[in-house]
Amino acid sequence: MLRFPLPMSGWVYILASRPRGTLYIGVTNDLVRRVHEHREGLADGFSKDHEVKRLVYYEEHATMPLAIQREKNIKHWSRRWKIDLITGMNPDWVDLWDDISR
């Protein structure tokens, strides 16, 4: 369940095209807005080109610099580690959009 965000917090999130499909890792200060942009095709680039719209993982950080550093770290991980991270939070790879958009 998404709680009230911390002031100046940042979010790291992972989108997938399907369970264990193409992954997109991003960072934002407004998770709901940014995921909505991906879902509606308003975010040009990789996620739009590859139909990556399913929110499968997210985590909040106290500041944007911390979130940015975490995003960079995860992007350098092996695919197996990324899959394990997602599966640890979301074993069935369900789309978490409904959880954050309520």
PDB file of N, CA and C in Angstrom:
ATOM      1  N   MET A   1       0.854  -1.177   0.000  1.00  0.00           N
ATOM      2  CA  MET A   1       0.000   0.000   0.000  1.00  0.00           C
ATOM      3  C   MET A   1       0.896   1.235   0.000  1.00  0.00           C
ATOM      4  N   LEU A   2       0.594   2.149  -0.866  1.00  0.00           N
ATOM      5  CA  LEU A   2       1.354   3.386  -0.976  1.00  0.00           C
ATOM      6  C   LEU A   2       0.964   4.305   0.168  1.00  0.00           C
ATOM      7  N   ARG A   3       1.943   4.808   0.891  1.00  0.00           N
ATOM      8  CA  ARG A   3       1.648   5.722   1.988  1.00  0.00           C
ATOM      9  C   ARG A   3       1.965   7.142   1.550  1.00  0.00           C
ATOM     10  N   PHE A   4       1.630   8.089   2.382  1.00  0.00           N
ATOM     11  CA  PHE A   4       1.893   9.484   2.049  1.00  0.00           C
ATOM     12  C   PHE A   4       3.388   9.672   1.871  1.00  0.00           C
ATOM     13  N   PRO A   5       3.812  10.231   0.750  1.00  0.00           N
ATOM     14  CA  PRO A   5       5.255  10.344   0.487  1.00  0.00           C
ATOM     15  C   PRO A   5       5.959  11.322   1.414  1.00  0.00           C
ATOM     16  N   LEU A   6       7.212  11.045   1.638  1.00  0.00           N
ATOM     17  CA  LEU A   6       8.054  11.941   2.418  1.00  0.00           C
ATOM     18  C   LEU A   6       8.297  13.221   1.626  1.00  0.00           C
ATOM     19  N   PRO A   7       8.468  14.356   2.297  1.00  0.00           N
ATOM     20  CA  PRO A   7       8.815  15.570   1.547  1.00  0.00           C
ATOM     21  C   PRO A   7      10.142  15.361   0.804  1.00  0.00           C
ATOM     22  N   MET A   8      10.171  15.727  -0.461  1.00  0.00           N
ATOM     23  CA  MET A   8      11.373  15.619  -1.291  1.00  0.00           C
ATOM     24  C   MET A   8      11.835  14.174  -1.482  1.00  0.00           C
ATOM     25  N   SER A   9      10.927  13.217  -1.313  1.00  0.00           N
ATOM     26  CA  SER A   9      11.313  11.820  -1.481  1.00  0.00           C
ATOM     27  C   SER A   9      11.449  11.481  -2.964  1.00  0.00           C
ATOM     28  N   GLY A  10      12.072  10.354  -3.214  1.00  0.00           N
ATOM     29  CA  GLY A  10      12.219   9.848  -4.562  1.00  0.00           C
ATOM     30  C   GLY A  10      11.806   8.398  -4.624  1.00  0.00           C
ATOM     31  N   TRP A  11      11.423   7.972  -5.793  1.00  0.00           N
ATOM     32  CA  TRP A  11      10.957   6.602  -6.008  1.00  0.00           C
ATOM     33  C   TRP A  11      11.787   5.941  -7.096  1.00  0.00           C
ATOM     34  N   VAL A  12      12.174   4.706  -6.868  1.00  0.00           N
ATOM     35  CA  VAL A  12      12.751   3.854  -7.892  1.00  0.00           C
ATOM     36  C   VAL A  12      11.659   2.861  -8.248  1.00  0.00           C
ATOM     37  N   TYR A  13      11.474   2.629  -9.533  1.00  0.00           N
ATOM     38  CA  TYR A  13      10.406   1.723  -9.955  1.00  0.00           C
ATOM     39  C   TYR A  13      10.889   0.874 -11.126  1.00  0.00           C
ATOM     40  N   ILE A  14      10.230  -0.279 -11.267  1.00  0.00           N
ATOM     41  CA  ILE A  14      10.528  -1.165 -12.390  1.00  0.00           C
ATOM     42  C   ILE A  14       9.216  -1.492 -13.088  1.00  0.00           C
ATOM     43  N   LEU A  15       9.220  -1.306 -14.395  1.00  0.00           N
ATOM     44  CA  LEU A  15       8.100  -1.674 -15.251  1.00  0.00           C
ATOM     45  C   LEU A  15       8.505  -2.900 -16.054  1.00  0.00           C
ATOM     46  N   ALA A  16       7.523  -3.712 -16.426  1.00  0.00           N
ATOM     47  CA  ALA A  16       7.785  -4.889 -17.249  1.00  0.00           C
ATOM     48  C   ALA A  16       6.754  -4.960 -18.366  1.00  0.00           C
ATOM     49  N   SER A  17       7.152  -5.548 -19.480  1.00  0.00           N
ATOM     50  CA  SER A  17       6.226  -5.744 -20.589  1.00  0.00           C
ATOM     51  C   SER A  17       5.260  -6.887 -20.298  1.00  0.00           C
ATOM     52  N   ARG A  18       5.712  -7.842 -19.513  1.00  0.00           N
ATOM     53  CA  ARG A  18       4.935  -9.011 -19.084  1.00  0.00           C
ATOM     54  C   ARG A  18       5.745  -9.673 -17.976  1.00  0.00           C
ATOM     55  N   PRO A  19       5.198 -10.670 -17.288  1.00  0.00           N
ATOM     56  CA  PRO A  19       6.010 -11.338 -16.265  1.00  0.00           C
ATOM     57  C   PRO A  19       7.328 -11.862 -16.855  1.00  0.00           C
ATOM     58  N   ARG A  20       8.409 -11.450 -16.255  1.00  0.00           N
ATOM     59  CA  ARG A  20       9.765 -11.810 -16.667  1.00  0.00           C
ATOM     60  C   ARG A  20      10.080 -11.387 -18.101  1.00  0.00           C
ATOM     61  N   GLY A  21       9.416 -10.333 -18.559  1.00  0.00           N
ATOM     62  CA  GLY A  21       9.642  -9.807 -19.900  1.00  0.00           C
ATOM     63  C   GLY A  21      10.674  -8.687 -19.891  1.00  0.00           C
ATOM     64  N   THR A  22      10.533  -7.772 -20.832  1.00  0.00           N
ATOM     65  CA  THR A  22      11.429  -6.624 -20.930  1.00  0.00           C
ATOM     66  C   THR A  22      11.249  -5.739 -19.706  1.00  0.00           C
ATOM     67  N   LEU A  23      12.355  -5.265 -19.121  1.00  0.00           N
ATOM     68  CA  LEU A  23      12.315  -4.447 -17.912  1.00  0.00           C
ATOM     69  C   LEU A  23      12.751  -3.016 -18.211  1.00  0.00           C
ATOM     70  N   TYR A  24      12.129  -2.088 -17.487  1.00  0.00           N
ATOM     71  CA  TYR A  24      12.529  -0.686 -17.525  1.00  0.00           C
ATOM     72  C   TYR A  24      12.681  -0.223 -16.086  1.00  0.00           C
ATOM     73  N   ILE A  25      13.809   0.386 -15.757  1.00  0.00           N
ATOM     74  CA  ILE A  25      14.062   0.884 -14.403  1.00  0.00           C
ATOM     75  C   ILE A  25      14.103   2.397 -14.468  1.00  0.00           C
ATOM     76  N   GLY A  26      13.328   3.041 -13.590  1.00  0.00           N
ATOM     77  CA  GLY A  26      13.270   4.494 -13.602  1.00  0.00           C
ATOM     78  C   GLY A  26      13.276   5.083 -12.210  1.00  0.00           C
ATOM     79  N   VAL A  27      13.346   6.408 -12.159  1.00  0.00           N
ATOM     80  CA  VAL A  27      13.342   7.150 -10.900  1.00  0.00           C
ATOM     81  C   VAL A  27      12.458   8.380 -11.092  1.00  0.00           C
ATOM     82  N   THR A  28      11.748   8.765 -10.036  1.00  0.00           N
ATOM     83  CA  THR A  28      10.836   9.903 -10.120  1.00  0.00           C
ATOM     84  C   THR A  28      10.576  10.462  -8.729  1.00  0.00           C
ATOM     85  N   ASN A  29      10.059  11.692  -8.702  1.00  0.00           N
ATOM     86  CA  ASN A  29       9.616  12.262  -7.428  1.00  0.00           C
ATOM     87  C   ASN A  29       8.100  12.123  -7.267  1.00  0.00           C
ATOM     88  N   ASP A  30       7.413  11.592  -8.282  1.00  0.00           N
ATOM     89  CA  ASP A  30       5.960  11.414  -8.242  1.00  0.00           C
ATOM     90  C   ASP A  30       5.623  10.100  -8.945  1.00  0.00           C
ATOM     91  N   LEU A  31       5.533   9.035  -8.167  1.00  0.00           N
ATOM     92  CA  LEU A  31       5.365   7.696  -8.720  1.00  0.00           C
ATOM     93  C   LEU A  31       4.066   7.553  -9.505  1.00  0.00           C
ATOM     94  N   VAL A  32       2.967   8.029  -8.964  1.00  0.00           N
ATOM     95  CA  VAL A  32       1.677   7.872  -9.638  1.00  0.00           C
ATOM     96  C   VAL A  32       1.688   8.595 -10.986  1.00  0.00           C
ATOM     97  N   ARG A  33       2.146   9.838 -10.984  1.00  0.00           N
ATOM     98  CA  ARG A  33       2.186  10.597 -12.237  1.00  0.00           C
ATOM     99  C   ARG A  33       3.062   9.912 -13.282  1.00  0.00           C
ATOM    100  N   ARG A  34       4.248   9.487 -12.871  1.00  0.00           N
ATOM    101  CA  ARG A  34       5.202   8.921 -13.830  1.00  0.00           C
ATOM    102  C   ARG A  34       4.718   7.597 -14.402  1.00  0.00           C
ATOM    103  N   VAL A  35       4.174   6.733 -13.545  1.00  0.00           N
ATOM    104  CA  VAL A  35       3.671   5.455 -14.062  1.00  0.00           C
ATOM    105  C   VAL A  35       2.485   5.700 -14.989  1.00  0.00           C
ATOM    106  N   HIS A  36       1.638   6.652 -14.648  1.00  0.00           N
ATOM    107  CA  HIS A  36       0.521   7.015 -15.529  1.00  0.00           C
ATOM    108  C   HIS A  36       1.054   7.446 -16.903  1.00  0.00           C
ATOM    109  N   GLU A  37       2.103   8.232 -16.926  1.00  0.00           N
ATOM    110  CA  GLU A  37       2.699   8.668 -18.196  1.00  0.00           C
ATOM    111  C   GLU A  37       3.176   7.476 -19.033  1.00  0.00           C
ATOM    112  N   HIS A  38       3.794   6.505 -18.378  1.00  0.00           N
ATOM    113  CA  HIS A  38       4.238   5.302 -19.096  1.00  0.00           C
ATOM    114  C   HIS A  38       3.034   4.524 -19.633  1.00  0.00           C
ATOM    115  N   ARG A  39       2.034   4.349 -18.796  1.00  0.00           N
ATOM    116  CA  ARG A  39       0.862   3.557 -19.180  1.00  0.00           C
ATOM    117  C   ARG A  39       0.100   4.174 -20.348  1.00  0.00           C
ATOM    118  N   GLU A  40       0.058   5.487 -20.396  1.00  0.00           N
ATOM    119  CA  GLU A  40      -0.694   6.184 -21.440  1.00  0.00           C
ATOM    120  C   GLU A  40       0.154   6.499 -22.673  1.00  0.00           C
ATOM    121  N   GLY A  41       1.414   6.079 -22.666  1.00  0.00           N
ATOM    122  CA  GLY A  41       2.284   6.319 -23.805  1.00  0.00           C
ATOM    123  C   GLY A  41       2.759   7.757 -23.910  1.00  0.00           C
ATOM    124  N   LEU A  42       2.730   8.493 -22.796  1.00  0.00           N
ATOM    125  CA  LEU A  42       3.151   9.893 -22.790  1.00  0.00           C
ATOM    126  C   LEU A  42       4.650  10.052 -22.570  1.00  0.00           C
ATOM    127  N   ALA A  43       5.303   8.980 -22.176  1.00  0.00           N
ATOM    128  CA  ALA A  43       6.746   9.003 -21.918  1.00  0.00           C
ATOM    129  C   ALA A  43       7.459   8.435 -23.137  1.00  0.00           C
ATOM    130  N   ASP A  44       8.013   9.317 -23.968  1.00  0.00           N
ATOM    131  CA  ASP A  44       8.737   8.856 -25.149  1.00  0.00           C
ATOM    132  C   ASP A  44       9.999   8.109 -24.748  1.00  0.00           C
ATOM    133  N   GLY A  45      10.405   7.189 -25.582  1.00  0.00           N
ATOM    134  CA  GLY A  45      11.653   6.478 -25.347  1.00  0.00           C
ATOM    135  C   GLY A  45      11.461   4.985 -25.215  1.00  0.00           C
ATOM    136  N   PHE A  46      12.356   4.374 -24.464  1.00  0.00           N
ATOM    137  CA  PHE A  46      12.431   2.920 -24.352  1.00  0.00           C
ATOM    138  C   PHE A  46      11.116   2.292 -23.915  1.00  0.00           C
ATOM    139  N   SER A  47      10.517   2.815 -22.847  1.00  0.00           N
ATOM    140  CA  SER A  47       9.309   2.174 -22.318  1.00  0.00           C
ATOM    141  C   SER A  47       8.162   2.220 -23.314  1.00  0.00           C
ATOM    142  N   LYS A  48       8.053   3.310 -24.054  1.00  0.00           N
ATOM    143  CA  LYS A  48       7.000   3.418 -25.075  1.00  0.00           C
ATOM    144  C   LYS A  48       7.302   2.492 -26.258  1.00  0.00           C
ATOM    145  N   ASP A  49       8.534   2.478 -26.688  1.00  0.00           N
ATOM    146  CA  ASP A  49       8.926   1.654 -27.832  1.00  0.00           C
ATOM    147  C   ASP A  49       8.765   0.161 -27.568  1.00  0.00           C
ATOM    148  N   HIS A  50       8.913  -0.257 -26.313  1.00  0.00           N
ATOM    149  CA  HIS A  50       8.880  -1.678 -25.964  1.00  0.00           C
ATOM    150  C   HIS A  50       7.617  -2.092 -25.212  1.00  0.00           C
ATOM    151  N   GLU A  51       6.614  -1.208 -25.167  1.00  0.00           N
ATOM    152  CA  GLU A  51       5.333  -1.536 -24.505  1.00  0.00           C
ATOM    153  C   GLU A  51       5.552  -1.995 -23.059  1.00  0.00           C
ATOM    154  N   VAL A  52       6.398  -1.296 -22.350  1.00  0.00           N
ATOM    155  CA  VAL A  52       6.705  -1.635 -20.959  1.00  0.00           C
ATOM    156  C   VAL A  52       5.814  -0.770 -20.075  1.00  0.00           C
ATOM    157  N   LYS A  53       4.703  -1.350 -19.588  1.00  0.00           N
ATOM    158  CA  LYS A  53       3.687  -0.574 -18.883  1.00  0.00           C
ATOM    159  C   LYS A  53       3.264  -1.152 -17.536  1.00  0.00           C
ATOM    160  N   ARG A  54       3.675  -2.360 -17.222  1.00  0.00           N
ATOM    161  CA  ARG A  54       3.228  -3.036 -16.007  1.00  0.00           C
ATOM    162  C   ARG A  54       4.163  -2.683 -14.852  1.00  0.00           C
ATOM    163  N   LEU A  55       3.650  -2.009 -13.823  1.00  0.00           N
ATOM    164  CA  LEU A  55       4.452  -1.683 -12.642  1.00  0.00           C
ATOM    165  C   LEU A  55       4.593  -2.951 -11.799  1.00  0.00           C
ATOM    166  N   VAL A  56       5.829  -3.422 -11.661  1.00  0.00           N
ATOM    167  CA  VAL A  56       6.047  -4.668 -10.925  1.00  0.00           C
ATOM    168  C   VAL A  56       6.866  -4.485  -9.654  1.00  0.00           C
ATOM    169  N   TYR A  57       7.460  -3.290  -9.484  1.00  0.00           N
ATOM    170  CA  TYR A  57       8.288  -3.057  -8.296  1.00  0.00           C
ATOM    171  C   TYR A  57       8.435  -1.559  -8.079  1.00  0.00           C
ATOM    172  N   TYR A  58       8.472  -1.154  -6.799  1.00  0.00           N
ATOM    173  CA  TYR A  58       8.790   0.238  -6.470  1.00  0.00           C
ATOM    174  C   TYR A  58       9.319   0.304  -5.048  1.00  0.00           C
ATOM    175  N   GLU A  59      10.107   1.327  -4.795  1.00  0.00           N
ATOM    176  CA  GLU A  59      10.624   1.570  -3.446  1.00  0.00           C
ATOM    177  C   GLU A  59      10.816   3.068  -3.278  1.00  0.00           C
ATOM    178  N   GLU A  60      10.572   3.533  -2.068  1.00  0.00           N
ATOM    179  CA  GLU A  60      10.700   4.957  -1.761  1.00  0.00           C
ATOM    180  C   GLU A  60      12.021   5.227  -1.063  1.00  0.00           C
ATOM    181  N   HIS A  61      12.601   6.405  -1.353  1.00  0.00           N
ATOM    182  CA  HIS A  61      13.836   6.851  -0.713  1.00  0.00           C
ATOM    183  C   HIS A  61      13.618   8.242  -0.132  1.00  0.00           C
ATOM    184  N   ALA A  62      14.334   8.557   0.900  1.00  0.00           N
ATOM    185  CA  ALA A  62      14.127   9.821   1.620  1.00  0.00           C
ATOM    186  C   ALA A  62      14.428  11.050   0.761  1.00  0.00           C
ATOM    187  N   THR A  63      15.352  10.916  -0.184  1.00  0.00           N
ATOM    188  CA  THR A  63      15.718  12.048  -1.040  1.00  0.00           C
ATOM    189  C   THR A  63      15.878  11.563  -2.483  1.00  0.00           C
ATOM    190  N   MET A  64      15.777  12.504  -3.419  1.00  0.00           N
ATOM    191  CA  MET A  64      15.995  12.157  -4.824  1.00  0.00           C
ATOM    192  C   MET A  64      17.430  11.692  -5.088  1.00  0.00           C
ATOM    193  N   PRO A  65      18.452  12.338  -4.512  1.00  0.00           N
ATOM    194  CA  PRO A  65      19.807  11.818  -4.765  1.00  0.00           C
ATOM    195  C   PRO A  65      19.979  10.356  -4.342  1.00  0.00           C
ATOM    196  N   LEU A  66      19.373   9.962  -3.230  1.00  0.00           N
ATOM    197  CA  LEU A  66      19.443   8.560  -2.811  1.00  0.00           C
ATOM    198  C   LEU A  66      18.723   7.658  -3.801  1.00  0.00           C
ATOM    199  N   ALA A  67      17.572   8.101  -4.274  1.00  0.00           N
ATOM    200  CA  ALA A  67      16.811   7.316  -5.252  1.00  0.00           C
ATOM    201  C   ALA A  67      17.590   7.181  -6.560  1.00  0.00           C
ATOM    202  N   ILE A  68      18.198   8.270  -7.010  1.00  0.00           N
ATOM    203  CA  ILE A  68      18.981   8.237  -8.242  1.00  0.00           C
ATOM    204  C   ILE A  68      20.152   7.269  -8.116  1.00  0.00           C
ATOM    205  N   GLN A  69      20.838   7.291  -6.985  1.00  0.00           N
ATOM    206  CA  GLN A  69      21.958   6.368  -6.782  1.00  0.00           C
ATOM    207  C   GLN A  69      21.482   4.916  -6.787  1.00  0.00           C
ATOM    208  N   ARG A  70      20.348   4.669  -6.146  1.00  0.00           N
ATOM    209  CA  ARG A  70      19.800   3.303  -6.125  1.00  0.00           C
ATOM    210  C   ARG A  70      19.420   2.857  -7.541  1.00  0.00           C
ATOM    211  N   GLU A  71      18.791   3.751  -8.311  1.00  0.00           N
ATOM    212  CA  GLU A  71      18.435   3.416  -9.698  1.00  0.00           C
ATOM    213  C   GLU A  71      19.691   3.034 -10.483  1.00  0.00           C
ATOM    214  N   LYS A  72      20.745   3.832 -10.364  1.00  0.00           N
ATOM    215  CA  LYS A  72      21.993   3.545 -11.077  1.00  0.00           C
ATOM    216  C   LYS A  72      22.561   2.190 -10.664  1.00  0.00           C
ATOM    217  N   ASN A  73      22.506   1.900  -9.362  1.00  0.00           N
ATOM    218  CA  ASN A  73      23.015   0.612  -8.882  1.00  0.00           C
ATOM    219  C   ASN A  73      22.229  -0.549  -9.487  1.00  0.00           C
ATOM    220  N   ILE A  74      20.910  -0.460  -9.426  1.00  0.00           N
ATOM    221  CA  ILE A  74      20.075  -1.552  -9.944  1.00  0.00           C
ATOM    222  C   ILE A  74      20.302  -1.734 -11.444  1.00  0.00           C
ATOM    223  N   LYS A  75      20.453  -0.651 -12.175  1.00  0.00           N
ATOM    224  CA  LYS A  75      20.674  -0.755 -13.623  1.00  0.00           C
ATOM    225  C   LYS A  75      21.952  -1.524 -13.954  1.00  0.00           C
ATOM    226  N   HIS A  76      22.906  -1.557 -13.044  1.00  0.00           N
ATOM    227  CA  HIS A  76      24.154  -2.289 -13.278  1.00  0.00           C
ATOM    228  C   HIS A  76      24.084  -3.746 -12.816  1.00  0.00           C
ATOM    229  N   TRP A  77      23.001  -4.120 -12.164  1.00  0.00           N
ATOM    230  CA  TRP A  77      22.847  -5.500 -11.710  1.00  0.00           C
ATOM    231  C   TRP A  77      22.620  -6.434 -12.898  1.00  0.00           C
ATOM    232  N   SER A  78      22.858  -7.709 -12.660  1.00  0.00           N
ATOM    233  CA  SER A  78      22.521  -8.727 -13.666  1.00  0.00           C
ATOM    234  C   SER A  78      20.991  -8.852 -13.753  1.00  0.00           C
ATOM    235  N   ARG A  79      20.524  -9.354 -14.856  1.00  0.00           N
ATOM    236  CA  ARG A  79      19.079  -9.567 -15.023  1.00  0.00           C
ATOM    237  C   ARG A  79      18.536 -10.478 -13.915  1.00  0.00           C
ATOM    238  N   ARG A  80      19.285 -11.500 -13.552  1.00  0.00           N
ATOM    239  CA  ARG A  80      18.846 -12.440 -12.510  1.00  0.00           C
ATOM    240  C   ARG A  80      18.603 -11.710 -11.185  1.00  0.00           C
ATOM    241  N   TRP A  81      19.491 -10.803 -10.805  1.00  0.00           N
ATOM    242  CA  TRP A  81      19.331 -10.046  -9.565  1.00  0.00           C
ATOM    243  C   TRP A  81      18.091  -9.165  -9.634  1.00  0.00           C
ATOM    244  N   LYS A  82      17.865  -8.548 -10.791  1.00  0.00           N
ATOM    245  CA  LYS A  82      16.668  -7.701 -10.956  1.00  0.00           C
ATOM    246  C   LYS A  82      15.401  -8.529 -10.814  1.00  0.00           C
ATOM    247  N   ILE A  83      15.384  -9.695 -11.439  1.00  0.00           N
ATOM    248  CA  ILE A  83      14.218 -10.585 -11.330  1.00  0.00           C
ATOM    249  C   ILE A  83      14.012 -11.008  -9.886  1.00  0.00           C
ATOM    250  N   ASP A  84      15.082 -11.332  -9.185  1.00  0.00           N
ATOM    251  CA  ASP A  84      14.976 -11.718  -7.772  1.00  0.00           C
ATOM    252  C   ASP A  84      14.441 -10.556  -6.921  1.00  0.00           C
ATOM    253  N   LEU A  85      14.867  -9.336  -7.214  1.00  0.00           N
ATOM    254  CA  LEU A  85      14.371  -8.163  -6.484  1.00  0.00           C
ATOM    255  C   LEU A  85      12.866  -8.027  -6.674  1.00  0.00           C
ATOM    256  N   ILE A  86      12.417  -8.113  -7.910  1.00  0.00           N
ATOM    257  CA  ILE A  86      10.984  -7.996  -8.197  1.00  0.00           C
ATOM    258  C   ILE A  86      10.216  -9.120  -7.531  1.00  0.00           C
ATOM    259  N   THR A  87      10.683 -10.347  -7.685  1.00  0.00           N
ATOM    260  CA  THR A  87       9.984 -11.510  -7.145  1.00  0.00           C
ATOM    261  C   THR A  87       9.907 -11.466  -5.625  1.00  0.00           C
ATOM    262  N   GLY A  88      10.900 -10.866  -4.977  1.00  0.00           N
ATOM    263  CA  GLY A  88      10.862 -10.742  -3.523  1.00  0.00           C
ATOM    264  C   GLY A  88       9.709  -9.870  -3.040  1.00  0.00           C
ATOM    265  N   MET A  89       9.366  -8.851  -3.789  1.00  0.00           N
ATOM    266  CA  MET A  89       8.253  -7.954  -3.429  1.00  0.00           C
ATOM    267  C   MET A  89       6.942  -8.399  -4.059  1.00  0.00           C
ATOM    268  N   ASN A  90       7.026  -8.964  -5.252  1.00  0.00           N
ATOM    269  CA  ASN A  90       5.851  -9.213  -6.067  1.00  0.00           C
ATOM    270  C   ASN A  90       5.991 -10.581  -6.742  1.00  0.00           C
ATOM    271  N   PRO A  91       5.817 -11.673  -5.987  1.00  0.00           N
ATOM    272  CA  PRO A  91       6.094 -13.015  -6.509  1.00  0.00           C
ATOM    273  C   PRO A  91       5.327 -13.379  -7.781  1.00  0.00           C
ATOM    274  N   ASP A  92       4.127 -12.853  -7.931  1.00  0.00           N
ATOM    275  CA  ASP A  92       3.315 -13.194  -9.099  1.00  0.00           C
ATOM    276  C   ASP A  92       3.420 -12.172 -10.228  1.00  0.00           C
ATOM    277  N   TRP A  93       4.263 -11.153 -10.045  1.00  0.00           N
ATOM    278  CA  TRP A  93       4.473 -10.118 -11.054  1.00  0.00           C
ATOM    279  C   TRP A  93       3.159  -9.452 -11.462  1.00  0.00           C
ATOM    280  N   VAL A  94       2.282  -9.243 -10.473  1.00  0.00           N
ATOM    281  CA  VAL A  94       1.029  -8.557 -10.786  1.00  0.00           C
ATOM    282  C   VAL A  94       1.313  -7.077 -11.023  1.00  0.00           C
ATOM    283  N   ASP A  95       0.460  -6.438 -11.803  1.00  0.00           N
ATOM    284  CA  ASP A  95       0.589  -5.010 -12.047  1.00  0.00           C
ATOM    285  C   ASP A  95       0.167  -4.280 -10.777  1.00  0.00           C
ATOM    286  N   LEU A  96       1.063  -3.495 -10.201  1.00  0.00           N
ATOM    287  CA  LEU A  96       0.819  -2.808  -8.931  1.00  0.00           C
ATOM    288  C   LEU A  96       0.152  -1.447  -9.114  1.00  0.00           C
ATOM    289  N   TRP A  97      -0.235  -1.110 -10.331  1.00  0.00           N
ATOM    290  CA  TRP A  97      -0.853   0.184 -10.613  1.00  0.00           C
ATOM    291  C   TRP A  97      -2.047   0.452  -9.701  1.00  0.00           C
ATOM    292  N   ASP A  98      -2.928  -0.528  -9.547  1.00  0.00           N
ATOM    293  CA  ASP A  98      -4.115  -0.320  -8.700  1.00  0.00           C
ATOM    294  C   ASP A  98      -3.728  -0.013  -7.258  1.00  0.00           C
ATOM    295  N   ASP A  99      -2.638  -0.585  -6.787  1.00  0.00           N
ATOM    296  CA  ASP A  99      -2.192  -0.336  -5.412  1.00  0.00           C
ATOM    297  C   ASP A  99      -1.753   1.108  -5.202  1.00  0.00           C
ATOM    298  N   ILE A 100      -1.128   1.710  -6.206  1.00  0.00           N
ATOM    299  CA  ILE A 100      -0.609   3.068  -6.013  1.00  0.00           C
ATOM    300  C   ILE A 100      -1.574   4.159  -6.467  1.00  0.00           C
ATOM    301  N   SER A 101      -2.556   3.800  -7.286  1.00  0.00           N
ATOM    302  CA  SER A 101      -3.419   4.831  -7.872  1.00  0.00           C
ATOM    303  C   SER A 101      -4.728   5.039  -7.137  1.00  0.00           C
ATOM    304  N   ARG A 102      -4.919   4.358  -6.052  1.00  0.00           N
ATOM    305  CA  ARG A 102      -6.168   4.503  -5.284  1.00  0.00           C
ATOM    306  C   ARG A 102      -6.225   5.820  -4.570  1.00  0.00           C
TER     307      ARG A 102
END
